[in-house]
Amino acid sequence: MKEKQFCPFCASALVTRNLDGVERRACPEVSCGYVDWDNPVPVVAALIEHEGSVLLARNRAWPEKTYGLITGFLEKGESPEEGVVREVREETGLEASIVAFIGNVPFFQANQLLIAYHLAASGEIRMGAELAEIRRVDPAKLRPWPFGTGIVVARWLEGRGA
């Protein structure tokens, strides 16, 4: 994400300051006191089983052979459970129910905290506008990748004894 340039309260140009040993963007106006703590963003992640396969998706902005799980930002007033079911419906057109909580996975590269669930889905796939492609993978052939939602896949496979 792009670094914030201006204070959201007084519109002063932010400066970098050392606060408790950490470089932070902060407002230089003493009367304002705004600090951008740059906290991780909560993101829900869905490992979806549909008709015996796990669904992997390729976002339109991603390179041709890059796939991941369905993810989305948690919205204000929404529980993670509500958010993950909503994201599955919006991105795939499928109705889904939560089978199990997989866990929380830090995704440091994107400054996100992935809140991951295993879902069972039914219905006909209708890709949302953000997706370029959906790939079906037999769970026995699913292989995790070393970052982001790949860690979620690894945890799910470990839980299955794979």
N, C-alpha and C. Protein backbone atom coordinates (compact mmCIF):
# COMPACT_ATOMS: atom_id res chain seq x y z
N MET A 1 0.84 -1.18 0.00
CA MET A 1 0.00 0.00 0.00
C MET A 1 0.88 1.25 0.00
N LYS A 2 0.37 2.29 -0.56
CA LYS A 2 1.10 3.54 -0.64
C LYS A 2 1.13 4.21 0.74
N GLU A 3 2.26 4.77 1.08
CA GLU A 3 2.43 5.45 2.35
C GLU A 3 1.55 6.70 2.41
N LYS A 4 0.90 6.94 3.55
CA LYS A 4 0.07 8.13 3.71
C LYS A 4 0.95 9.37 3.66
N GLN A 5 0.45 10.41 3.01
CA GLN A 5 1.21 11.64 2.86
C GLN A 5 0.71 12.78 3.75
N PHE A 6 -0.61 12.76 4.08
CA PHE A 6 -1.21 13.87 4.80
C PHE A 6 -2.02 13.40 6.00
N CYS A 7 -2.07 14.24 7.01
CA CYS A 7 -2.84 13.95 8.22
C CYS A 7 -4.33 13.93 7.86
N PRO A 8 -5.07 12.89 8.27
CA PRO A 8 -6.49 12.84 7.96
C PRO A 8 -7.34 13.80 8.80
N PHE A 9 -6.74 14.42 9.82
CA PHE A 9 -7.48 15.33 10.68
C PHE A 9 -7.23 16.80 10.35
N CYS A 10 -5.94 17.19 10.13
CA CYS A 10 -5.65 18.61 9.91
C CYS A 10 -5.02 18.89 8.54
N ALA A 11 -4.77 17.85 7.76
CA ALA A 11 -4.24 17.94 6.39
C ALA A 11 -2.78 18.38 6.31
N SER A 12 -2.07 18.43 7.43
CA SER A 12 -0.63 18.74 7.40
C SER A 12 0.11 17.59 6.75
N ALA A 13 1.23 17.91 6.09
CA ALA A 13 2.07 16.87 5.51
C ALA A 13 2.68 16.04 6.64
N LEU A 14 2.53 14.73 6.56
CA LEU A 14 3.08 13.85 7.60
C LEU A 14 4.59 13.81 7.51
N VAL A 15 5.22 13.59 8.65
CA VAL A 15 6.67 13.44 8.73
C VAL A 15 6.96 12.08 9.36
N THR A 16 8.18 11.61 9.19
CA THR A 16 8.59 10.35 9.81
C THR A 16 9.25 10.67 11.14
N ARG A 17 8.77 10.01 12.19
CA ARG A 17 9.32 10.20 13.53
C ARG A 17 9.60 8.85 14.16
N ASN A 18 10.57 8.81 15.04
CA ASN A 18 10.87 7.60 15.79
C ASN A 18 10.04 7.63 17.07
N LEU A 19 9.12 6.67 17.18
CA LEU A 19 8.28 6.56 18.37
C LEU A 19 8.52 5.20 19.00
N ASP A 20 9.09 5.21 20.19
CA ASP A 20 9.39 3.96 20.91
C ASP A 20 10.22 3.00 20.06
N GLY A 21 11.18 3.54 19.31
CA GLY A 21 12.09 2.72 18.53
C GLY A 21 11.57 2.28 17.19
N VAL A 22 10.40 2.79 16.77
CA VAL A 22 9.81 2.41 15.48
C VAL A 22 9.57 3.68 14.65
N GLU A 23 9.97 3.63 13.39
CA GLU A 23 9.71 4.75 12.49
C GLU A 23 8.23 4.77 12.12
N ARG A 24 7.56 5.91 12.40
CA ARG A 24 6.13 6.05 12.12
C ARG A 24 5.88 7.35 11.37
N ARG A 25 4.85 7.35 10.53
CA ARG A 25 4.40 8.58 9.90
C ARG A 25 3.51 9.28 10.92
N ALA A 26 3.74 10.57 11.13
CA ALA A 26 3.00 11.30 12.17
C ALA A 26 2.79 12.75 11.73
N CYS A 27 1.79 13.37 12.33
CA CYS A 27 1.51 14.77 12.08
C CYS A 27 2.52 15.62 12.86
N PRO A 28 3.09 16.63 12.22
CA PRO A 28 4.05 17.47 12.92
C PRO A 28 3.39 18.48 13.85
N GLU A 29 2.08 18.69 13.71
CA GLU A 29 1.36 19.66 14.53
C GLU A 29 1.13 19.10 15.93
N VAL A 30 1.73 19.73 16.93
CA VAL A 30 1.64 19.26 18.31
C VAL A 30 0.18 19.21 18.77
N SER A 31 -0.62 20.19 18.34
CA SER A 31 -2.02 20.23 18.77
C SER A 31 -2.84 19.09 18.16
N CYS A 32 -2.36 18.50 17.09
CA CYS A 32 -3.09 17.40 16.43
C CYS A 32 -2.71 16.06 17.04
N GLY A 33 -1.43 15.71 16.94
CA GLY A 33 -0.95 14.47 17.55
C GLY A 33 -1.25 13.18 16.81
N TYR A 34 -1.74 13.26 15.57
CA TYR A 34 -2.05 12.03 14.82
C TYR A 34 -0.79 11.22 14.52
N VAL A 35 -0.90 9.90 14.72
CA VAL A 35 0.16 8.96 14.36
C VAL A 35 -0.47 7.87 13.50
N ASP A 36 0.15 7.57 12.38
CA ASP A 36 -0.29 6.46 11.54
C ASP A 36 0.40 5.20 12.06
N TRP A 37 -0.32 4.38 12.78
CA TRP A 37 0.26 3.18 13.39
C TRP A 37 0.49 2.08 12.38
N ASP A 38 -0.09 2.21 11.18
CA ASP A 38 0.09 1.24 10.10
C ASP A 38 -0.24 -0.18 10.54
N ASN A 39 -1.36 -0.30 11.25
CA ASN A 39 -1.79 -1.61 11.73
C ASN A 39 -2.18 -2.52 10.57
N PRO A 40 -2.00 -3.84 10.73
CA PRO A 40 -2.41 -4.76 9.67
C PRO A 40 -3.91 -4.67 9.41
N VAL A 41 -4.28 -4.91 8.18
CA VAL A 41 -5.68 -4.87 7.76
C VAL A 41 -6.26 -6.28 7.88
N PRO A 42 -7.46 -6.43 8.50
CA PRO A 42 -8.07 -7.75 8.57
C PRO A 42 -8.67 -8.16 7.22
N VAL A 43 -8.27 -9.35 6.77
CA VAL A 43 -8.74 -9.89 5.49
C VAL A 43 -9.23 -11.31 5.73
N VAL A 44 -10.40 -11.64 5.21
CA VAL A 44 -10.91 -13.00 5.33
C VAL A 44 -10.42 -13.82 4.14
N ALA A 45 -10.13 -15.09 4.39
CA ALA A 45 -9.66 -16.00 3.34
C ALA A 45 -10.50 -17.28 3.38
N ALA A 46 -10.88 -17.76 2.21
CA ALA A 46 -11.77 -18.91 2.11
C ALA A 46 -11.11 -20.05 1.34
N LEU A 47 -10.90 -21.17 2.01
CA LEU A 47 -10.52 -22.39 1.32
C LEU A 47 -11.85 -23.08 1.03
N ILE A 48 -12.24 -23.06 -0.25
CA ILE A 48 -13.57 -23.52 -0.66
C ILE A 48 -13.49 -24.91 -1.26
N GLU A 49 -14.32 -25.81 -0.72
CA GLU A 49 -14.52 -27.12 -1.35
C GLU A 49 -15.86 -27.07 -2.09
N HIS A 50 -15.81 -27.43 -3.36
CA HIS A 50 -17.00 -27.41 -4.21
C HIS A 50 -16.96 -28.62 -5.12
N GLU A 51 -17.95 -29.47 -5.00
CA GLU A 51 -18.07 -30.67 -5.83
C GLU A 51 -16.79 -31.51 -5.81
N GLY A 52 -16.21 -31.68 -4.63
CA GLY A 52 -15.05 -32.54 -4.45
C GLY A 52 -13.71 -31.91 -4.76
N SER A 53 -13.71 -30.64 -5.19
CA SER A 53 -12.46 -29.94 -5.51
C SER A 53 -12.27 -28.73 -4.61
N VAL A 54 -11.02 -28.29 -4.50
CA VAL A 54 -10.72 -27.02 -3.86
C VAL A 54 -10.62 -25.99 -4.98
N LEU A 55 -11.22 -24.82 -4.75
CA LEU A 55 -11.21 -23.78 -5.77
C LEU A 55 -10.07 -22.80 -5.51
N LEU A 56 -9.29 -22.56 -6.55
CA LEU A 56 -8.25 -21.52 -6.52
C LEU A 56 -8.65 -20.47 -7.56
N ALA A 57 -8.35 -19.22 -7.25
CA ALA A 57 -8.76 -18.13 -8.13
C ALA A 57 -7.56 -17.29 -8.56
N ARG A 58 -7.68 -16.73 -9.75
CA ARG A 58 -6.68 -15.78 -10.23
C ARG A 58 -7.34 -14.42 -10.39
N ASN A 59 -6.84 -13.47 -9.64
CA ASN A 59 -7.31 -12.09 -9.71
C ASN A 59 -6.89 -11.50 -11.06
N ARG A 60 -7.70 -10.63 -11.62
CA ARG A 60 -7.40 -10.00 -12.92
C ARG A 60 -6.06 -9.26 -12.90
N ALA A 61 -5.64 -8.78 -11.74
CA ALA A 61 -4.40 -8.01 -11.65
C ALA A 61 -3.16 -8.88 -11.50
N TRP A 62 -3.34 -10.19 -11.35
CA TRP A 62 -2.21 -11.09 -11.10
C TRP A 62 -1.64 -11.65 -12.39
N PRO A 63 -0.37 -12.07 -12.35
CA PRO A 63 0.23 -12.74 -13.52
C PRO A 63 -0.55 -14.00 -13.90
N GLU A 64 -0.38 -14.43 -15.13
CA GLU A 64 -1.16 -15.52 -15.72
C GLU A 64 -1.22 -16.80 -14.89
N LYS A 65 -0.16 -17.27 -14.31
CA LYS A 65 -0.18 -18.56 -13.61
C LYS A 65 -0.19 -18.42 -12.09
N THR A 66 -0.66 -17.29 -11.58
CA THR A 66 -0.70 -17.04 -10.15
C THR A 66 -2.12 -17.21 -9.63
N TYR A 67 -2.28 -18.12 -8.67
CA TYR A 67 -3.60 -18.40 -8.10
C TYR A 67 -3.52 -18.32 -6.58
N GLY A 68 -4.65 -18.12 -5.97
CA GLY A 68 -4.74 -18.10 -4.52
C GLY A 68 -6.15 -18.44 -4.09
N LEU A 69 -6.39 -18.30 -2.81
CA LEU A 69 -7.74 -18.51 -2.27
C LEU A 69 -8.56 -17.24 -2.45
N ILE A 70 -9.85 -17.38 -2.33
CA ILE A 70 -10.73 -16.21 -2.35
C ILE A 70 -10.48 -15.44 -1.06
N THR A 71 -10.23 -14.15 -1.18
CA THR A 71 -9.99 -13.29 -0.03
C THR A 71 -10.75 -11.99 -0.21
N GLY A 72 -10.91 -11.27 0.89
CA GLY A 72 -11.55 -9.96 0.80
C GLY A 72 -11.44 -9.23 2.12
N PHE A 73 -11.57 -7.92 2.04
CA PHE A 73 -11.48 -7.10 3.24
C PHE A 73 -12.72 -7.26 4.09
N LEU A 74 -12.51 -7.34 5.36
CA LEU A 74 -13.60 -7.37 6.32
C LEU A 74 -14.24 -5.99 6.33
N GLU A 75 -15.56 -5.93 6.28
CA GLU A 75 -16.26 -4.66 6.23
C GLU A 75 -16.72 -4.23 7.62
N LYS A 76 -16.92 -2.94 7.79
CA LYS A 76 -17.37 -2.38 9.06
C LYS A 76 -18.68 -3.03 9.50
N GLY A 77 -18.73 -3.43 10.77
CA GLY A 77 -19.94 -4.03 11.32
C GLY A 77 -20.16 -5.48 10.95
N GLU A 78 -19.17 -6.11 10.36
CA GLU A 78 -19.30 -7.48 9.86
C GLU A 78 -18.37 -8.40 10.66
N SER A 79 -18.87 -9.56 11.04
CA SER A 79 -18.01 -10.54 11.70
C SER A 79 -17.16 -11.23 10.63
N PRO A 80 -16.02 -11.81 11.01
CA PRO A 80 -15.23 -12.56 10.03
C PRO A 80 -16.04 -13.67 9.36
N GLU A 81 -16.90 -14.33 10.12
CA GLU A 81 -17.71 -15.41 9.56
C GLU A 81 -18.67 -14.88 8.50
N GLU A 82 -19.31 -13.75 8.77
CA GLU A 82 -20.20 -13.14 7.78
C GLU A 82 -19.40 -12.67 6.55
N GLY A 83 -18.23 -12.11 6.81
CA GLY A 83 -17.41 -11.58 5.73
C GLY A 83 -16.93 -12.64 4.77
N VAL A 84 -16.50 -13.79 5.28
CA VAL A 84 -15.97 -14.83 4.40
C VAL A 84 -17.08 -15.43 3.54
N VAL A 85 -18.27 -15.60 4.11
CA VAL A 85 -19.40 -16.12 3.33
C VAL A 85 -19.80 -15.10 2.26
N ARG A 86 -19.81 -13.81 2.61
CA ARG A 86 -20.13 -12.76 1.64
C ARG A 86 -19.12 -12.74 0.49
N GLU A 87 -17.82 -12.80 0.83
CA GLU A 87 -16.80 -12.78 -0.22
C GLU A 87 -16.94 -13.95 -1.18
N VAL A 88 -17.22 -15.14 -0.65
CA VAL A 88 -17.41 -16.31 -1.52
C VAL A 88 -18.58 -16.07 -2.47
N ARG A 89 -19.68 -15.55 -1.93
CA ARG A 89 -20.85 -15.29 -2.77
C ARG A 89 -20.54 -14.22 -3.83
N GLU A 90 -19.89 -13.12 -3.42
CA GLU A 90 -19.58 -12.05 -4.37
C GLU A 90 -18.61 -12.48 -5.47
N GLU A 91 -17.59 -13.24 -5.10
CA GLU A 91 -16.53 -13.58 -6.06
C GLU A 91 -16.81 -14.83 -6.89
N THR A 92 -17.63 -15.74 -6.36
CA THR A 92 -17.87 -16.99 -7.08
C THR A 92 -19.33 -17.26 -7.41
N GLY A 93 -20.24 -16.53 -6.77
CA GLY A 93 -21.66 -16.79 -6.97
C GLY A 93 -22.16 -17.98 -6.19
N LEU A 94 -21.29 -18.62 -5.40
CA LEU A 94 -21.66 -19.82 -4.67
C LEU A 94 -22.23 -19.49 -3.29
N GLU A 95 -23.13 -20.35 -2.83
CA GLU A 95 -23.60 -20.27 -1.44
C GLU A 95 -22.69 -21.18 -0.64
N ALA A 96 -22.22 -20.69 0.49
CA ALA A 96 -21.23 -21.45 1.26
C ALA A 96 -21.58 -21.43 2.74
N SER A 97 -21.10 -22.46 3.41
CA SER A 97 -21.21 -22.52 4.86
C SER A 97 -19.84 -22.89 5.43
N ILE A 98 -19.58 -22.38 6.60
CA ILE A 98 -18.29 -22.61 7.23
C ILE A 98 -18.23 -24.03 7.79
N VAL A 99 -17.17 -24.73 7.44
CA VAL A 99 -16.90 -26.06 7.97
C VAL A 99 -16.04 -25.93 9.22
N ALA A 100 -14.99 -25.11 9.14
CA ALA A 100 -14.06 -24.97 10.26
C ALA A 100 -13.25 -23.69 10.13
N PHE A 101 -12.80 -23.20 11.26
CA PHE A 101 -11.86 -22.09 11.31
C PHE A 101 -10.47 -22.69 11.12
N ILE A 102 -9.71 -22.19 10.17
CA ILE A 102 -8.35 -22.71 9.92
C ILE A 102 -7.35 -21.99 10.80
N GLY A 103 -7.50 -20.67 10.92
CA GLY A 103 -6.60 -19.92 11.79
C GLY A 103 -6.31 -18.53 11.26
N ASN A 104 -5.54 -17.80 12.04
CA ASN A 104 -5.08 -16.47 11.65
C ASN A 104 -3.66 -16.59 11.11
N VAL A 105 -3.42 -15.97 9.97
CA VAL A 105 -2.12 -16.06 9.32
C VAL A 105 -1.63 -14.65 8.99
N PRO A 106 -0.49 -14.23 9.54
CA PRO A 106 0.02 -12.92 9.16
C PRO A 106 0.55 -12.96 7.73
N PHE A 107 0.21 -11.95 6.95
CA PHE A 107 0.71 -11.79 5.59
C PHE A 107 1.47 -10.47 5.59
N PHE A 108 2.72 -10.55 6.05
CA PHE A 108 3.53 -9.36 6.28
C PHE A 108 3.76 -8.54 5.01
N GLN A 109 3.93 -9.21 3.87
CA GLN A 109 4.22 -8.50 2.62
C GLN A 109 3.11 -7.52 2.25
N ALA A 110 1.87 -7.82 2.62
CA ALA A 110 0.75 -6.95 2.29
C ALA A 110 0.21 -6.21 3.52
N ASN A 111 0.88 -6.37 4.67
CA ASN A 111 0.44 -5.78 5.93
C ASN A 111 -1.01 -6.16 6.24
N GLN A 112 -1.28 -7.46 6.14
CA GLN A 112 -2.62 -7.98 6.38
C GLN A 112 -2.58 -9.10 7.41
N LEU A 113 -3.70 -9.30 8.07
CA LEU A 113 -3.91 -10.47 8.92
C LEU A 113 -5.02 -11.28 8.25
N LEU A 114 -4.67 -12.46 7.75
CA LEU A 114 -5.65 -13.33 7.10
C LEU A 114 -6.40 -14.11 8.17
N ILE A 115 -7.72 -14.04 8.13
CA ILE A 115 -8.60 -14.77 9.03
C ILE A 115 -9.23 -15.85 8.15
N ALA A 116 -8.74 -17.09 8.31
CA ALA A 116 -9.01 -18.12 7.31
C ALA A 116 -10.01 -19.18 7.77
N TYR A 117 -10.87 -19.56 6.82
CA TYR A 117 -11.91 -20.56 7.07
C TYR A 117 -11.93 -21.59 5.93
N HIS A 118 -12.35 -22.80 6.30
CA HIS A 118 -12.66 -23.85 5.34
C HIS A 118 -14.17 -23.78 5.13
N LEU A 119 -14.60 -23.69 3.87
CA LEU A 119 -16.03 -23.61 3.56
C LEU A 119 -16.43 -24.70 2.57
N ALA A 120 -17.66 -25.16 2.72
CA ALA A 120 -18.28 -26.06 1.75
C ALA A 120 -19.24 -25.20 0.94
N ALA A 121 -19.20 -25.32 -0.38
CA ALA A 121 -20.02 -24.47 -1.24
C ALA A 121 -20.84 -25.29 -2.21
N SER A 122 -21.97 -24.71 -2.60
CA SER A 122 -22.82 -25.36 -3.59
C SER A 122 -23.34 -24.30 -4.56
N GLY A 123 -23.82 -24.80 -5.70
CA GLY A 123 -24.36 -23.90 -6.71
C GLY A 123 -23.47 -23.86 -7.93
N GLU A 124 -23.82 -22.97 -8.85
CA GLU A 124 -23.07 -22.81 -10.09
C GLU A 124 -22.11 -21.63 -9.95
N ILE A 125 -20.87 -21.83 -10.37
CA ILE A 125 -19.87 -20.78 -10.27
C ILE A 125 -20.17 -19.67 -11.27
N ARG A 126 -20.21 -18.44 -10.76
CA ARG A 126 -20.34 -17.22 -11.57
C ARG A 126 -19.28 -16.25 -11.06
N MET A 127 -18.20 -16.13 -11.79
CA MET A 127 -17.07 -15.31 -11.34
C MET A 127 -17.44 -13.84 -11.21
N GLY A 128 -16.95 -13.24 -10.10
CA GLY A 128 -17.11 -11.81 -9.91
C GLY A 128 -16.17 -11.03 -10.81
N ALA A 129 -16.35 -9.73 -10.84
CA ALA A 129 -15.58 -8.85 -11.73
C ALA A 129 -14.09 -8.84 -11.45
N GLU A 130 -13.68 -9.14 -10.21
CA GLU A 130 -12.26 -9.10 -9.85
C GLU A 130 -11.48 -10.31 -10.35
N LEU A 131 -12.17 -11.39 -10.70
CA LEU A 131 -11.50 -12.63 -11.06
C LEU A 131 -11.34 -12.81 -12.56
N ALA A 132 -10.20 -13.39 -12.93
CA ALA A 132 -9.94 -13.73 -14.33
C ALA A 132 -10.21 -15.21 -14.59
N GLU A 133 -10.03 -16.04 -13.55
CA GLU A 133 -10.13 -17.49 -13.75
C GLU A 133 -10.29 -18.19 -12.41
N ILE A 134 -10.99 -19.32 -12.44
CA ILE A 134 -11.09 -20.20 -11.28
C ILE A 134 -10.60 -21.57 -11.71
N ARG A 135 -9.78 -22.17 -10.88
CA ARG A 135 -9.23 -23.49 -11.17
C ARG A 135 -9.68 -24.46 -10.07
N ARG A 136 -10.08 -25.65 -10.50
CA ARG A 136 -10.46 -26.72 -9.57
C ARG A 136 -9.24 -27.61 -9.35
N VAL A 137 -8.97 -27.94 -8.08
CA VAL A 137 -7.83 -28.79 -7.76
C VAL A 137 -8.31 -29.91 -6.83
N ASP A 138 -7.95 -31.13 -7.18
CA ASP A 138 -8.24 -32.26 -6.31
C ASP A 138 -7.48 -32.04 -5.00
N PRO A 139 -8.13 -32.18 -3.84
CA PRO A 139 -7.43 -31.94 -2.57
C PRO A 139 -6.13 -32.75 -2.43
N ALA A 140 -6.08 -33.95 -2.99
CA ALA A 140 -4.87 -34.78 -2.91
C ALA A 140 -3.72 -34.20 -3.73
N LYS A 141 -4.03 -33.34 -4.70
CA LYS A 141 -3.00 -32.75 -5.56
C LYS A 141 -2.68 -31.30 -5.18
N LEU A 142 -3.37 -30.78 -4.18
CA LEU A 142 -3.17 -29.40 -3.76
C LEU A 142 -1.82 -29.24 -3.08
N ARG A 143 -1.06 -28.26 -3.51
CA ARG A 143 0.27 -27.98 -2.95
C ARG A 143 0.33 -26.53 -2.48
N PRO A 144 0.73 -26.30 -1.23
CA PRO A 144 0.79 -24.92 -0.74
C PRO A 144 1.96 -24.15 -1.33
N TRP A 145 1.88 -22.85 -1.30
CA TRP A 145 2.96 -21.96 -1.72
C TRP A 145 3.45 -21.24 -0.45
N PRO A 146 4.63 -20.64 -0.47
CA PRO A 146 5.28 -20.22 0.78
C PRO A 146 4.86 -18.88 1.37
N PHE A 147 3.76 -18.29 0.95
CA PHE A 147 3.36 -16.99 1.50
C PHE A 147 1.86 -16.81 1.39
N GLY A 148 1.32 -15.83 2.09
CA GLY A 148 -0.09 -15.47 1.99
C GLY A 148 -1.02 -16.65 2.18
N THR A 149 -1.97 -16.80 1.25
CA THR A 149 -2.96 -17.86 1.39
C THR A 149 -2.36 -19.25 1.23
N GLY A 150 -1.15 -19.35 0.72
CA GLY A 150 -0.47 -20.65 0.66
C GLY A 150 -0.24 -21.23 2.04
N ILE A 151 -0.01 -20.37 3.03
CA ILE A 151 0.16 -20.81 4.42
C ILE A 151 -1.17 -21.37 4.94
N VAL A 152 -2.27 -20.75 4.53
CA VAL A 152 -3.61 -21.26 4.90
C VAL A 152 -3.79 -22.66 4.33
N VAL A 153 -3.43 -22.84 3.06
CA VAL A 153 -3.53 -24.16 2.42
C VAL A 153 -2.70 -25.19 3.18
N ALA A 154 -1.48 -24.82 3.56
CA ALA A 154 -0.59 -25.75 4.29
C ALA A 154 -1.23 -26.16 5.61
N ARG A 155 -1.81 -25.21 6.33
CA ARG A 155 -2.45 -25.54 7.62
C ARG A 155 -3.65 -26.46 7.42
N TRP A 156 -4.42 -26.19 6.37
CA TRP A 156 -5.59 -27.04 6.10
C TRP A 156 -5.14 -28.46 5.75
N LEU A 157 -4.12 -28.56 4.92
CA LEU A 157 -3.61 -29.90 4.56
C LEU A 157 -3.05 -30.63 5.78
N GLU A 158 -2.35 -29.93 6.66
CA GLU A 158 -1.84 -30.54 7.89
C GLU A 158 -2.99 -31.07 8.74
N GLY A 159 -4.06 -30.30 8.83
CA GLY A 159 -5.22 -30.70 9.60
C GLY A 159 -5.92 -31.93 9.04
N ARG A 160 -5.76 -32.16 7.76
CA ARG A 160 -6.35 -33.33 7.11
C ARG A 160 -5.43 -34.53 7.18
N GLY A 161 -4.21 -34.32 7.70
CA GLY A 161 -3.24 -35.41 7.74
C GLY A 161 -2.55 -35.64 6.42
N ALA A 162 -2.59 -34.63 5.55
CA ALA A 162 -1.97 -34.76 4.22
C ALA A 162 -0.49 -34.44 4.27
